[in-house]
Amino acid sequence: MCRVFKVSRSGFYGWLNRKPSKCAEEREEVSREIHKIYAESKCRYGSPKITIELRDRGFSVSRPRVARIMKANGLRSVISGKFSVCTTESNHSFRISPNLLNRCLKRRSLGHGLR
């Protein structure tokens, strides 16, 4: 297999047995903490709020770094739409009131009566 991938045996076994770097360990720790905060917020927090929460917990991270880690792990904040009240039910089986005035109301232009 080493010949196929054009790597030396000692290089392969060195890579296989190598311990993770300090940077990689720190990245993994930050990633675990991001997952915790994300779950605690019911998947609602994005990178800005998670960054603030991480700093409160003693981590020194930037927002772009948190955003990169979140993107790599497939974490996205859940954005809920605005609540809108819907009071008109157009598809109903009730009787429609007759137009007793027999008027057709038209919109006026915003020219304040001047034409």
PDB file of N, CA and C in Angstrom:
ATOM      1  N   MET A   1       0.821  -1.197   0.000  1.00  0.00           N
ATOM      2  CA  MET A   1       0.000   0.000   0.000  1.00  0.00           C
ATOM      3  C   MET A   1       0.863   1.258   0.000  1.00  0.00           C
ATOM      4  N   CYS A   2       2.012   1.178   0.681  1.00  0.00           N
ATOM      5  CA  CYS A   2       2.882   2.348   0.728  1.00  0.00           C
ATOM      6  C   CYS A   2       3.366   2.710  -0.668  1.00  0.00           C
ATOM      7  N   ARG A   3       3.664   1.687  -1.502  1.00  0.00           N
ATOM      8  CA  ARG A   3       4.099   1.951  -2.870  1.00  0.00           C
ATOM      9  C   ARG A   3       2.979   2.599  -3.675  1.00  0.00           C
ATOM     10  N   VAL A   4       1.747   2.131  -3.483  1.00  0.00           N
ATOM     11  CA  VAL A   4       0.617   2.675  -4.223  1.00  0.00           C
ATOM     12  C   VAL A   4       0.425   4.158  -3.906  1.00  0.00           C
ATOM     13  N   PHE A   5       0.519   4.515  -2.631  1.00  0.00           N
ATOM     14  CA  PHE A   5       0.331   5.906  -2.220  1.00  0.00           C
ATOM     15  C   PHE A   5       1.629   6.709  -2.250  1.00  0.00           C
ATOM     16  N   LYS A   6       2.732   6.055  -2.623  1.00  0.00           N
ATOM     17  CA  LYS A   6       4.047   6.700  -2.763  1.00  0.00           C
ATOM     18  C   LYS A   6       4.483   7.382  -1.470  1.00  0.00           C
ATOM     19  N   VAL A   7       4.397   6.629  -0.367  1.00  0.00           N
ATOM     20  CA  VAL A   7       4.913   7.104   0.918  1.00  0.00           C
ATOM     21  C   VAL A   7       5.837   6.028   1.478  1.00  0.00           C
ATOM     22  N   SER A   8       6.764   6.467   2.304  1.00  0.00           N
ATOM     23  CA  SER A   8       7.679   5.497   2.904  1.00  0.00           C
ATOM     24  C   SER A   8       6.993   4.785   4.065  1.00  0.00           C
ATOM     25  N   ARG A   9       7.485   3.590   4.372  1.00  0.00           N
ATOM     26  CA  ARG A   9       6.905   2.838   5.497  1.00  0.00           C
ATOM     27  C   ARG A   9       7.112   3.583   6.800  1.00  0.00           C
ATOM     28  N   SER A  10       8.308   4.106   6.998  1.00  0.00           N
ATOM     29  CA  SER A  10       8.581   4.813   8.252  1.00  0.00           C
ATOM     30  C   SER A  10       7.716   6.070   8.363  1.00  0.00           C
ATOM     31  N   GLY A  11       7.448   6.745   7.226  1.00  0.00           N
ATOM     32  CA  GLY A  11       6.583   7.925   7.235  1.00  0.00           C
ATOM     33  C   GLY A  11       5.153   7.567   7.595  1.00  0.00           C
ATOM     34  N   PHE A  12       4.671   6.432   7.040  1.00  0.00           N
ATOM     35  CA  PHE A  12       3.308   5.993   7.336  1.00  0.00           C
ATOM     36  C   PHE A  12       3.154   5.635   8.812  1.00  0.00           C
ATOM     37  N   TYR A  13       4.082   4.834   9.342  1.00  0.00           N
ATOM     38  CA  TYR A  13       3.973   4.432  10.741  1.00  0.00           C
ATOM     39  C   TYR A  13       4.226   5.607  11.684  1.00  0.00           C
ATOM     40  N   GLY A  14       5.056   6.530  11.256  1.00  0.00           N
ATOM     41  CA  GLY A  14       5.247   7.747  12.058  1.00  0.00           C
ATOM     42  C   GLY A  14       3.961   8.544  12.155  1.00  0.00           C
ATOM     43  N   TRP A  15       3.243   8.664  11.011  1.00  0.00           N
ATOM     44  CA  TRP A  15       1.962   9.374  10.983  1.00  0.00           C
ATOM     45  C   TRP A  15       0.912   8.633  11.818  1.00  0.00           C
ATOM     46  N   LEU A  16       0.919   7.294  11.712  1.00  0.00           N
ATOM     47  CA  LEU A  16      -0.064   6.470  12.408  1.00  0.00           C
ATOM     48  C   LEU A  16       0.073   6.576  13.925  1.00  0.00           C
ATOM     49  N   ASN A  17       1.315   6.627  14.410  1.00  0.00           N
ATOM     50  CA  ASN A  17       1.561   6.633  15.857  1.00  0.00           C
ATOM     51  C   ASN A  17       1.778   8.023  16.440  1.00  0.00           C
ATOM     52  N   ARG A  18       1.710   9.049  15.614  1.00  0.00           N
ATOM     53  CA  ARG A  18       1.962  10.417  16.080  1.00  0.00           C
ATOM     54  C   ARG A  18       0.825  10.899  16.973  1.00  0.00           C
ATOM     55  N   LYS A  19       1.183  11.563  18.045  1.00  0.00           N
ATOM     56  CA  LYS A  19       0.182  12.143  18.939  1.00  0.00           C
ATOM     57  C   LYS A  19      -0.343  13.437  18.314  1.00  0.00           C
ATOM     58  N   PRO A  20      -1.594  13.795  18.601  1.00  0.00           N
ATOM     59  CA  PRO A  20      -2.127  15.053  18.062  1.00  0.00           C
ATOM     60  C   PRO A  20      -1.370  16.250  18.646  1.00  0.00           C
ATOM     61  N   SER A  21      -1.260  17.307  17.837  1.00  0.00           N
ATOM     62  CA  SER A  21      -0.553  18.502  18.283  1.00  0.00           C
ATOM     63  C   SER A  21      -1.367  19.235  19.347  1.00  0.00           C
ATOM     64  N   LYS A  22      -0.715  20.169  20.020  1.00  0.00           N
ATOM     65  CA  LYS A  22      -1.392  20.945  21.053  1.00  0.00           C
ATOM     66  C   LYS A  22      -2.521  21.762  20.436  1.00  0.00           C
ATOM     67  N   CYS A  23      -2.285  22.282  19.242  1.00  0.00           N
ATOM     68  CA  CYS A  23      -3.302  23.069  18.541  1.00  0.00           C
ATOM     69  C   CYS A  23      -4.515  22.205  18.191  1.00  0.00           C
ATOM     70  N   ALA A  24      -4.264  20.985  17.733  1.00  0.00           N
ATOM     71  CA  ALA A  24      -5.357  20.071  17.381  1.00  0.00           C
ATOM     72  C   ALA A  24      -6.163  19.676  18.621  1.00  0.00           C
ATOM     73  N   GLU A  25      -5.476  19.463  19.748  1.00  0.00           N
ATOM     74  CA  GLU A  25      -6.179  19.130  20.994  1.00  0.00           C
ATOM     75  C   GLU A  25      -7.049  20.290  21.458  1.00  0.00           C
ATOM     76  N   GLU A  26      -6.512  21.523  21.340  1.00  0.00           N
ATOM     77  CA  GLU A  26      -7.270  22.703  21.741  1.00  0.00           C
ATOM     78  C   GLU A  26      -8.488  22.883  20.830  1.00  0.00           C
ATOM     79  N   ARG A  27      -8.311  22.663  19.529  1.00  0.00           N
ATOM     80  CA  ARG A  27      -9.410  22.775  18.575  1.00  0.00           C
ATOM     81  C   ARG A  27     -10.514  21.765  18.912  1.00  0.00           C
ATOM     82  N   GLU A  28     -10.118  20.563  19.295  1.00  0.00           N
ATOM     83  CA  GLU A  28     -11.089  19.528  19.648  1.00  0.00           C
ATOM     84  C   GLU A  28     -11.850  19.906  20.920  1.00  0.00           C
ATOM     85  N   GLU A  29     -11.133  20.488  21.886  1.00  0.00           N
ATOM     86  CA  GLU A  29     -11.769  20.912  23.137  1.00  0.00           C
ATOM     87  C   GLU A  29     -12.770  22.039  22.874  1.00  0.00           C
ATOM     88  N   VAL A  30     -12.380  23.013  22.039  1.00  0.00           N
ATOM     89  CA  VAL A  30     -13.284  24.114  21.694  1.00  0.00           C
ATOM     90  C   VAL A  30     -14.498  23.570  20.947  1.00  0.00           C
ATOM     91  N   SER A  31     -14.268  22.613  20.060  1.00  0.00           N
ATOM     92  CA  SER A  31     -15.360  22.008  19.297  1.00  0.00           C
ATOM     93  C   SER A  31     -16.369  21.307  20.222  1.00  0.00           C
ATOM     94  N   ARG A  32     -15.875  20.588  21.208  1.00  0.00           N
ATOM     95  CA  ARG A  32     -16.767  19.922  22.168  1.00  0.00           C
ATOM     96  C   ARG A  32     -17.589  20.952  22.946  1.00  0.00           C
ATOM     97  N   GLU A  33     -16.939  22.034  23.338  1.00  0.00           N
ATOM     98  CA  GLU A  33     -17.634  23.076  24.097  1.00  0.00           C
ATOM     99  C   GLU A  33     -18.681  23.774  23.223  1.00  0.00           C
ATOM    100  N   ILE A  34     -18.362  23.983  21.947  1.00  0.00           N
ATOM    101  CA  ILE A  34     -19.326  24.587  21.018  1.00  0.00           C
ATOM    102  C   ILE A  34     -20.552  23.694  20.901  1.00  0.00           C
ATOM    103  N   HIS A  35     -20.337  22.395  20.799  1.00  0.00           N
ATOM    104  CA  HIS A  35     -21.463  21.456  20.728  1.00  0.00           C
ATOM    105  C   HIS A  35     -22.338  21.540  21.982  1.00  0.00           C
ATOM    106  N   LYS A  36     -21.710  21.669  23.154  1.00  0.00           N
ATOM    107  CA  LYS A  36     -22.473  21.778  24.401  1.00  0.00           C
ATOM    108  C   LYS A  36     -23.333  23.039  24.406  1.00  0.00           C
ATOM    109  N   ILE A  37     -22.707  24.178  24.071  1.00  0.00           N
ATOM    110  CA  ILE A  37     -23.427  25.456  24.077  1.00  0.00           C
ATOM    111  C   ILE A  37     -24.547  25.436  23.047  1.00  0.00           C
ATOM    112  N   TYR A  38     -24.266  24.869  21.890  1.00  0.00           N
ATOM    113  CA  TYR A  38     -25.258  24.775  20.815  1.00  0.00           C
ATOM    114  C   TYR A  38     -26.463  23.949  21.273  1.00  0.00           C
ATOM    115  N   ALA A  39     -26.207  22.854  21.954  1.00  0.00           N
ATOM    116  CA  ALA A  39     -27.298  22.004  22.452  1.00  0.00           C
ATOM    117  C   ALA A  39     -28.065  22.700  23.572  1.00  0.00           C
ATOM    118  N   GLU A  40     -27.348  23.393  24.465  1.00  0.00           N
ATOM    119  CA  GLU A  40     -28.001  24.103  25.571  1.00  0.00           C
ATOM    120  C   GLU A  40     -28.925  25.211  25.065  1.00  0.00           C
ATOM    121  N   SER A  41     -28.571  25.814  23.926  1.00  0.00           N
ATOM    122  CA  SER A  41     -29.378  26.903  23.371  1.00  0.00           C
ATOM    123  C   SER A  41     -30.491  26.390  22.462  1.00  0.00           C
ATOM    124  N   LYS A  42     -30.701  25.075  22.448  1.00  0.00           N
ATOM    125  CA  LYS A  42     -31.714  24.441  21.600  1.00  0.00           C
ATOM    126  C   LYS A  42     -31.466  24.753  20.134  1.00  0.00           C
ATOM    127  N   CYS A  43     -30.196  24.749  19.744  1.00  0.00           N
ATOM    128  CA  CYS A  43     -29.744  24.958  18.353  1.00  0.00           C
ATOM    129  C   CYS A  43     -30.070  26.351  17.830  1.00  0.00           C
ATOM    130  N   ARG A  44     -30.226  27.325  18.722  1.00  0.00           N
ATOM    131  CA  ARG A  44     -30.606  28.666  18.292  1.00  0.00           C
ATOM    132  C   ARG A  44     -29.418  29.617  18.184  1.00  0.00           C
ATOM    133  N   TYR A  45     -28.355  29.396  18.942  1.00  0.00           N
ATOM    134  CA  TYR A  45     -27.230  30.323  18.946  1.00  0.00           C
ATOM    135  C   TYR A  45     -26.385  30.179  17.688  1.00  0.00           C
ATOM    136  N   GLY A  46     -25.955  31.326  17.166  1.00  0.00           N
ATOM    137  CA  GLY A  46     -25.014  31.362  16.058  1.00  0.00           C
ATOM    138  C   GLY A  46     -23.621  31.639  16.592  1.00  0.00           C
ATOM    139  N   SER A  47     -22.677  31.884  15.691  1.00  0.00           N
ATOM    140  CA  SER A  47     -21.291  32.074  16.106  1.00  0.00           C
ATOM    141  C   SER A  47     -21.075  33.287  17.018  1.00  0.00           C
ATOM    142  N   PRO A  48     -21.781  34.424  16.845  1.00  0.00           N
ATOM    143  CA  PRO A  48     -21.533  35.554  17.767  1.00  0.00           C
ATOM    144  C   PRO A  48     -21.876  35.229  19.219  1.00  0.00           C
ATOM    145  N   LYS A  49     -23.039  34.641  19.446  1.00  0.00           N
ATOM    146  CA  LYS A  49     -23.452  34.339  20.824  1.00  0.00           C
ATOM    147  C   LYS A  49     -22.626  33.199  21.408  1.00  0.00           C
ATOM    148  N   ILE A  50     -22.272  32.227  20.588  1.00  0.00           N
ATOM    149  CA  ILE A  50     -21.439  31.125  21.089  1.00  0.00           C
ATOM    150  C   ILE A  50     -20.055  31.653  21.449  1.00  0.00           C
ATOM    151  N   THR A  51     -19.530  32.604  20.673  1.00  0.00           N
ATOM    152  CA  THR A  51     -18.230  33.203  20.989  1.00  0.00           C
ATOM    153  C   THR A  51     -18.275  33.896  22.347  1.00  0.00           C
ATOM    154  N   ILE A  52     -19.325  34.653  22.600  1.00  0.00           N
ATOM    155  CA  ILE A  52     -19.477  35.345  23.891  1.00  0.00           C
ATOM    156  C   ILE A  52     -19.534  34.326  25.025  1.00  0.00           C
ATOM    157  N   GLU A  53     -20.292  33.255  24.805  1.00  0.00           N
ATOM    158  CA  GLU A  53     -20.432  32.220  25.833  1.00  0.00           C
ATOM    159  C   GLU A  53     -19.092  31.516  26.084  1.00  0.00           C
ATOM    160  N   LEU A  54     -18.334  31.253  25.026  1.00  0.00           N
ATOM    161  CA  LEU A  54     -17.019  30.608  25.183  1.00  0.00           C
ATOM    162  C   LEU A  54     -16.060  31.509  25.955  1.00  0.00           C
ATOM    163  N   ARG A  55     -16.098  32.796  25.672  1.00  0.00           N
ATOM    164  CA  ARG A  55     -15.218  33.736  26.388  1.00  0.00           C
ATOM    165  C   ARG A  55     -15.594  33.796  27.862  1.00  0.00           C
ATOM    166  N   ASP A  56     -16.909  33.717  28.152  1.00  0.00           N
ATOM    167  CA  ASP A  56     -17.348  33.692  29.552  1.00  0.00           C
ATOM    168  C   ASP A  56     -16.863  32.434  30.266  1.00  0.00           C
ATOM    169  N   ARG A  57     -16.678  31.351  29.505  1.00  0.00           N
ATOM    170  CA  ARG A  57     -16.215  30.090  30.080  1.00  0.00           C
ATOM    171  C   ARG A  57     -14.698  29.970  30.083  1.00  0.00           C
ATOM    172  N   GLY A  58     -13.999  31.026  29.668  1.00  0.00           N
ATOM    173  CA  GLY A  58     -12.548  31.044  29.787  1.00  0.00           C
ATOM    174  C   GLY A  58     -11.765  30.694  28.535  1.00  0.00           C
ATOM    175  N   PHE A  59     -12.405  30.563  27.390  1.00  0.00           N
ATOM    176  CA  PHE A  59     -11.700  30.261  26.148  1.00  0.00           C
ATOM    177  C   PHE A  59     -11.360  31.552  25.420  1.00  0.00           C
ATOM    178  N   SER A  60     -10.206  31.577  24.775  1.00  0.00           N
ATOM    179  CA  SER A  60      -9.792  32.738  23.992  1.00  0.00           C
ATOM    180  C   SER A  60      -9.976  32.394  22.517  1.00  0.00           C
ATOM    181  N   VAL A  61     -11.138  32.765  21.979  1.00  0.00           N
ATOM    182  CA  VAL A  61     -11.466  32.442  20.591  1.00  0.00           C
ATOM    183  C   VAL A  61     -12.050  33.664  19.891  1.00  0.00           C
ATOM    184  N   SER A  62     -11.943  33.670  18.564  1.00  0.00           N
ATOM    185  CA  SER A  62     -12.540  34.745  17.774  1.00  0.00           C
ATOM    186  C   SER A  62     -13.826  34.236  17.143  1.00  0.00           C
ATOM    187  N   ARG A  63     -14.685  35.164  16.722  1.00  0.00           N
ATOM    188  CA  ARG A  63     -15.937  34.772  16.099  1.00  0.00           C
ATOM    189  C   ARG A  63     -15.712  34.023  14.788  1.00  0.00           C
ATOM    190  N   PRO A  64     -14.771  34.468  13.910  1.00  0.00           N
ATOM    191  CA  PRO A  64     -14.548  33.701  12.681  1.00  0.00           C
ATOM    192  C   PRO A  64     -14.076  32.266  12.940  1.00  0.00           C
ATOM    193  N   ARG A  65     -13.287  32.070  13.976  1.00  0.00           N
ATOM    194  CA  ARG A  65     -12.827  30.721  14.308  1.00  0.00           C
ATOM    195  C   ARG A  65     -14.003  29.845  14.737  1.00  0.00           C
ATOM    196  N   VAL A  66     -14.881  30.400  15.575  1.00  0.00           N
ATOM    197  CA  VAL A  66     -16.068  29.662  16.014  1.00  0.00           C
ATOM    198  C   VAL A  66     -16.945  29.351  14.800  1.00  0.00           C
ATOM    199  N   ALA A  67     -17.098  30.326  13.903  1.00  0.00           N
ATOM    200  CA  ALA A  67     -17.918  30.113  12.705  1.00  0.00           C
ATOM    201  C   ALA A  67     -17.327  29.011  11.837  1.00  0.00           C
ATOM    202  N   ARG A  68     -16.003  28.974  11.705  1.00  0.00           N
ATOM    203  CA  ARG A  68     -15.330  27.940  10.909  1.00  0.00           C
ATOM    204  C   ARG A  68     -15.554  26.557  11.509  1.00  0.00           C
ATOM    205  N   ILE A  69     -15.421  26.460  12.830  1.00  0.00           N
ATOM    206  CA  ILE A  69     -15.611  25.170  13.507  1.00  0.00           C
ATOM    207  C   ILE A  69     -17.066  24.727  13.391  1.00  0.00           C
ATOM    208  N   MET A  70     -17.999  25.661  13.546  1.00  0.00           N
ATOM    209  CA  MET A  70     -19.414  25.323  13.422  1.00  0.00           C
ATOM    210  C   MET A  70     -19.730  24.835  12.010  1.00  0.00           C
ATOM    211  N   LYS A  71     -19.189  25.507  11.014  1.00  0.00           N
ATOM    212  CA  LYS A  71     -19.437  25.118   9.621  1.00  0.00           C
ATOM    213  C   LYS A  71     -18.860  23.735   9.335  1.00  0.00           C
ATOM    214  N   ALA A  72     -17.660  23.465   9.860  1.00  0.00           N
ATOM    215  CA  ALA A  72     -17.025  22.164   9.645  1.00  0.00           C
ATOM    216  C   ALA A  72     -17.840  21.038  10.285  1.00  0.00           C
ATOM    217  N   ASN A  73     -18.538  21.340  11.390  1.00  0.00           N
ATOM    218  CA  ASN A  73     -19.341  20.339  12.085  1.00  0.00           C
ATOM    219  C   ASN A  73     -20.812  20.342  11.650  1.00  0.00           C
ATOM    220  N   GLY A  74     -21.150  21.217  10.711  1.00  0.00           N
ATOM    221  CA  GLY A  74     -22.524  21.260  10.205  1.00  0.00           C
ATOM    222  C   GLY A  74     -23.515  21.870  11.177  1.00  0.00           C
ATOM    223  N   LEU A  75     -23.070  22.775  12.034  1.00  0.00           N
ATOM    224  CA  LEU A  75     -23.949  23.424  13.008  1.00  0.00           C
ATOM    225  C   LEU A  75     -24.410  24.769  12.456  1.00  0.00           C
ATOM    226  N   ARG A  76     -25.716  24.967  12.397  1.00  0.00           N
ATOM    227  CA  ARG A  76     -26.277  26.241  11.944  1.00  0.00           C
ATOM    228  C   ARG A  76     -27.347  26.669  12.925  1.00  0.00           C
ATOM    229  N   SER A  77     -27.432  27.974  13.162  1.00  0.00           N
ATOM    230  CA  SER A  77     -28.435  28.455  14.097  1.00  0.00           C
ATOM    231  C   SER A  77     -29.818  28.354  13.460  1.00  0.00           C
ATOM    232  N   VAL A  78     -30.807  28.056  14.286  1.00  0.00           N
ATOM    233  CA  VAL A  78     -32.181  27.964  13.819  1.00  0.00           C
ATOM    234  C   VAL A  78     -32.794  29.339  13.932  1.00  0.00           C
ATOM    235  N   ILE A  79     -33.200  29.882  12.798  1.00  0.00           N
ATOM    236  CA  ILE A  79     -33.789  31.220  12.780  1.00  0.00           C
ATOM    237  C   ILE A  79     -35.287  31.060  12.592  1.00  0.00           C
ATOM    238  N   SER A  80     -36.040  31.518  13.575  1.00  0.00           N
ATOM    239  CA  SER A  80     -37.494  31.424  13.470  1.00  0.00           C
ATOM    240  C   SER A  80     -38.021  32.689  12.817  1.00  0.00           C
ATOM    241  N   GLY A  81     -39.064  32.543  12.033  1.00  0.00           N
ATOM    242  CA  GLY A  81     -39.666  33.692  11.367  1.00  0.00           C
ATOM    243  C   GLY A  81     -40.480  34.525  12.337  1.00  0.00           C
ATOM    244  N   LYS A  82     -40.833  35.722  11.880  1.00  0.00           N
ATOM    245  CA  LYS A  82     -41.649  36.594  12.712  1.00  0.00           C
ATOM    246  C   LYS A  82     -43.040  36.001  12.863  1.00  0.00           C
ATOM    247  N   PHE A  83     -43.626  36.223  14.019  1.00  0.00           N
ATOM    248  CA  PHE A  83     -44.983  35.747  14.265  1.00  0.00           C
ATOM    249  C   PHE A  83     -45.951  36.715  13.607  1.00  0.00           C
ATOM    250  N   SER A  84     -46.848  36.204  12.797  1.00  0.00           N
ATOM    251  CA  SER A  84     -47.854  37.065  12.194  1.00  0.00           C
ATOM    252  C   SER A  84     -49.237  36.511  12.524  1.00  0.00           C
ATOM    253  N   VAL A  85     -50.121  37.421  12.860  1.00  0.00           N
ATOM    254  CA  VAL A  85     -51.477  37.041  13.217  1.00  0.00           C
ATOM    255  C   VAL A  85     -52.305  36.968  11.940  1.00  0.00           C
ATOM    256  N   CYS A  86     -52.964  35.883  11.745  1.00  0.00           N
ATOM    257  CA  CYS A  86     -53.830  35.723  10.575  1.00  0.00           C
ATOM    258  C   CYS A  86     -55.267  35.670  11.081  1.00  0.00           C
ATOM    259  N   THR A  87     -56.043  36.718  10.788  1.00  0.00           N
ATOM    260  CA  THR A  87     -57.400  36.785  11.323  1.00  0.00           C
ATOM    261  C   THR A  87     -58.470  36.507  10.280  1.00  0.00           C
ATOM    262  N   THR A  88     -58.088  36.456   9.023  1.00  0.00           N
ATOM    263  CA  THR A  88     -59.073  36.246   7.969  1.00  0.00           C
ATOM    264  C   THR A  88     -59.023  34.818   7.473  1.00  0.00           C
ATOM    265  N   GLU A  89     -60.155  34.149   7.514  1.00  0.00           N
ATOM    266  CA  GLU A  89     -60.279  32.789   6.991  1.00  0.00           C
ATOM    267  C   GLU A  89     -61.091  32.894   5.705  1.00  0.00           C
ATOM    268  N   SER A  90     -60.435  32.842   4.565  1.00  0.00           N
ATOM    269  CA  SER A  90     -61.120  33.027   3.287  1.00  0.00           C
ATOM    270  C   SER A  90     -61.900  31.794   2.863  1.00  0.00           C
ATOM    271  N   ASN A  91     -61.430  30.641   3.209  1.00  0.00           N
ATOM    272  CA  ASN A  91     -62.099  29.407   2.809  1.00  0.00           C
ATOM    273  C   ASN A  91     -62.992  28.900   3.947  1.00  0.00           C
ATOM    274  N   HIS A  92     -64.158  29.493   4.067  1.00  0.00           N
ATOM    275  CA  HIS A  92     -65.073  29.082   5.128  1.00  0.00           C
ATOM    276  C   HIS A  92     -66.427  28.728   4.520  1.00  0.00           C
ATOM    277  N   SER A  93     -67.245  28.103   5.301  1.00  0.00           N
ATOM    278  CA  SER A  93     -68.562  27.680   4.811  1.00  0.00           C
ATOM    279  C   SER A  93     -69.684  28.577   5.349  1.00  0.00           C
ATOM    280  N   PHE A  94     -69.323  29.719   5.930  1.00  0.00           N
ATOM    281  CA  PHE A  94     -70.341  30.619   6.485  1.00  0.00           C
ATOM    282  C   PHE A  94     -70.986  31.446   5.371  1.00  0.00           C
ATOM    283  N   ARG A  95     -72.146  31.962   5.674  1.00  0.00           N
ATOM    284  CA  ARG A  95     -72.867  32.802   4.721  1.00  0.00           C
ATOM    285  C   ARG A  95     -72.150  34.136   4.587  1.00  0.00           C
ATOM    286  N   ILE A  96     -72.051  34.635   3.360  1.00  0.00           N
ATOM    287  CA  ILE A  96     -71.395  35.921   3.112  1.00  0.00           C
ATOM    288  C   ILE A  96     -72.460  37.006   3.141  1.00  0.00           C
ATOM    289  N   SER A  97     -72.203  38.075   3.887  1.00  0.00           N
ATOM    290  CA  SER A  97     -73.167  39.166   4.020  1.00  0.00           C
ATOM    291  C   SER A  97     -73.337  39.880   2.678  1.00  0.00           C
ATOM    292  N   PRO A  98     -74.544  40.264   2.361  1.00  0.00           N
ATOM    293  CA  PRO A  98     -74.763  40.974   1.084  1.00  0.00           C
ATOM    294  C   PRO A  98     -74.235  42.403   1.160  1.00  0.00           C
ATOM    295  N   ASN A  99     -73.907  42.975   0.012  1.00  0.00           N
ATOM    296  CA  ASN A  99     -73.424  44.346  -0.088  1.00  0.00           C
ATOM    297  C   ASN A  99     -74.640  45.261  -0.162  1.00  0.00           C
ATOM    298  N   LEU A 100     -75.124  45.717   0.981  1.00  0.00           N
ATOM    299  CA  LEU A 100     -76.350  46.505   1.035  1.00  0.00           C
ATOM    300  C   LEU A 100     -76.169  47.904   0.457  1.00  0.00           C
ATOM    301  N   LEU A 101     -74.999  48.466   0.568  1.00  0.00           N
ATOM    302  CA  LEU A 101     -74.771  49.816   0.048  1.00  0.00           C
ATOM    303  C   LEU A 101     -74.485  49.804  -1.450  1.00  0.00           C
ATOM    304  N   ASN A 102     -74.138  48.634  -1.965  1.00  0.00           N
ATOM    305  CA  ASN A 102     -73.851  48.463  -3.380  1.00  0.00           C
ATOM    306  C   ASN A 102     -72.756  49.430  -3.846  1.00  0.00           C
ATOM    307  N   ARG A 103     -71.732  49.556  -3.055  1.00  0.00           N
ATOM    308  CA  ARG A 103     -70.633  50.471  -3.369  1.00  0.00           C
ATOM    309  C   ARG A 103     -69.398  49.680  -3.754  1.00  0.00           C
ATOM    310  N   CYS A 104     -68.607  50.261  -4.611  1.00  0.00           N
ATOM    311  CA  CYS A 104     -67.317  49.695  -4.981  1.00  0.00           C
ATOM    312  C   CYS A 104     -66.264  50.706  -4.557  1.00  0.00           C
ATOM    313  N   LEU A 105     -65.555  50.427  -3.477  1.00  0.00           N
ATOM    314  CA  LEU A 105     -64.584  51.376  -2.947  1.00  0.00           C
ATOM    315  C   LEU A 105     -63.282  51.281  -3.734  1.00  0.00           C
ATOM    316  N   LYS A 106     -62.784  52.429  -4.172  1.00  0.00           N
ATOM    317  CA  LYS A 106     -61.543  52.488  -4.941  1.00  0.00           C
ATOM    318  C   LYS A 106     -60.505  53.235  -4.125  1.00  0.00           C
ATOM    319  N   ARG A 107     -59.251  52.918  -4.381  1.00  0.00           N
ATOM    320  CA  ARG A 107     -58.158  53.625  -3.702  1.00  0.00           C
ATOM    321  C   ARG A 107     -57.953  54.980  -4.337  1.00  0.00           C
ATOM    322  N   ARG A 108     -57.722  55.948  -3.513  1.00  0.00           N
ATOM    323  CA  ARG A 108     -57.398  57.281  -3.995  1.00  0.00           C
ATOM    324  C   ARG A 108     -55.904  57.436  -4.133  1.00  0.00           C
ATOM    325  N   SER A 109     -55.469  58.274  -5.014  1.00  0.00           N
ATOM    326  CA  SER A 109     -54.040  58.550  -5.175  1.00  0.00           C
ATOM    327  C   SER A 109     -53.585  59.390  -4.006  1.00  0.00           C
ATOM    328  N   LEU A 110     -52.280  59.414  -3.767  1.00  0.00           N
ATOM    329  CA  LEU A 110     -51.746  60.161  -2.630  1.00  0.00           C
ATOM    330  C   LEU A 110     -51.451  61.598  -3.003  1.00  0.00           C
ATOM    331  N   GLY A 111     -52.215  62.187  -3.907  1.00  0.00           N
ATOM    332  CA  GLY A 111     -51.973  63.567  -4.335  1.00  0.00           C
ATOM    333  C   GLY A 111     -52.665  64.580  -3.472  1.00  0.00           C
ATOM    334  N   HIS A 112     -53.201  64.168  -2.337  1.00  0.00           N
ATOM    335  CA  HIS A 112     -53.886  65.053  -1.392  1.00  0.00           C
ATOM    336  C   HIS A 112     -55.009  65.839  -2.053  1.00  0.00           C
ATOM    337  N   GLY A 113     -55.728  65.232  -2.971  1.00  0.00           N
ATOM    338  CA  GLY A 113     -56.875  65.877  -3.598  1.00  0.00           C
ATOM    339  C   GLY A 113     -56.500  66.716  -4.793  1.00  0.00           C
ATOM    340  N   LEU A 114     -55.214  66.927  -5.037  1.00  0.00           N
ATOM    341  CA  LEU A 114     -54.805  67.741  -6.189  1.00  0.00           C
ATOM    342  C   LEU A 114     -54.510  66.843  -7.373  1.00  0.00           C
ATOM    343  N   ARG A 115     -55.051  67.165  -8.514  1.00  0.00           N
ATOM    344  CA  ARG A 115     -54.793  66.360  -9.707  1.00  0.00           C
ATOM    345  C   ARG A 115     -54.227  67.184 -10.803  1.00  0.00           C
TER     346      ARG A 115
END
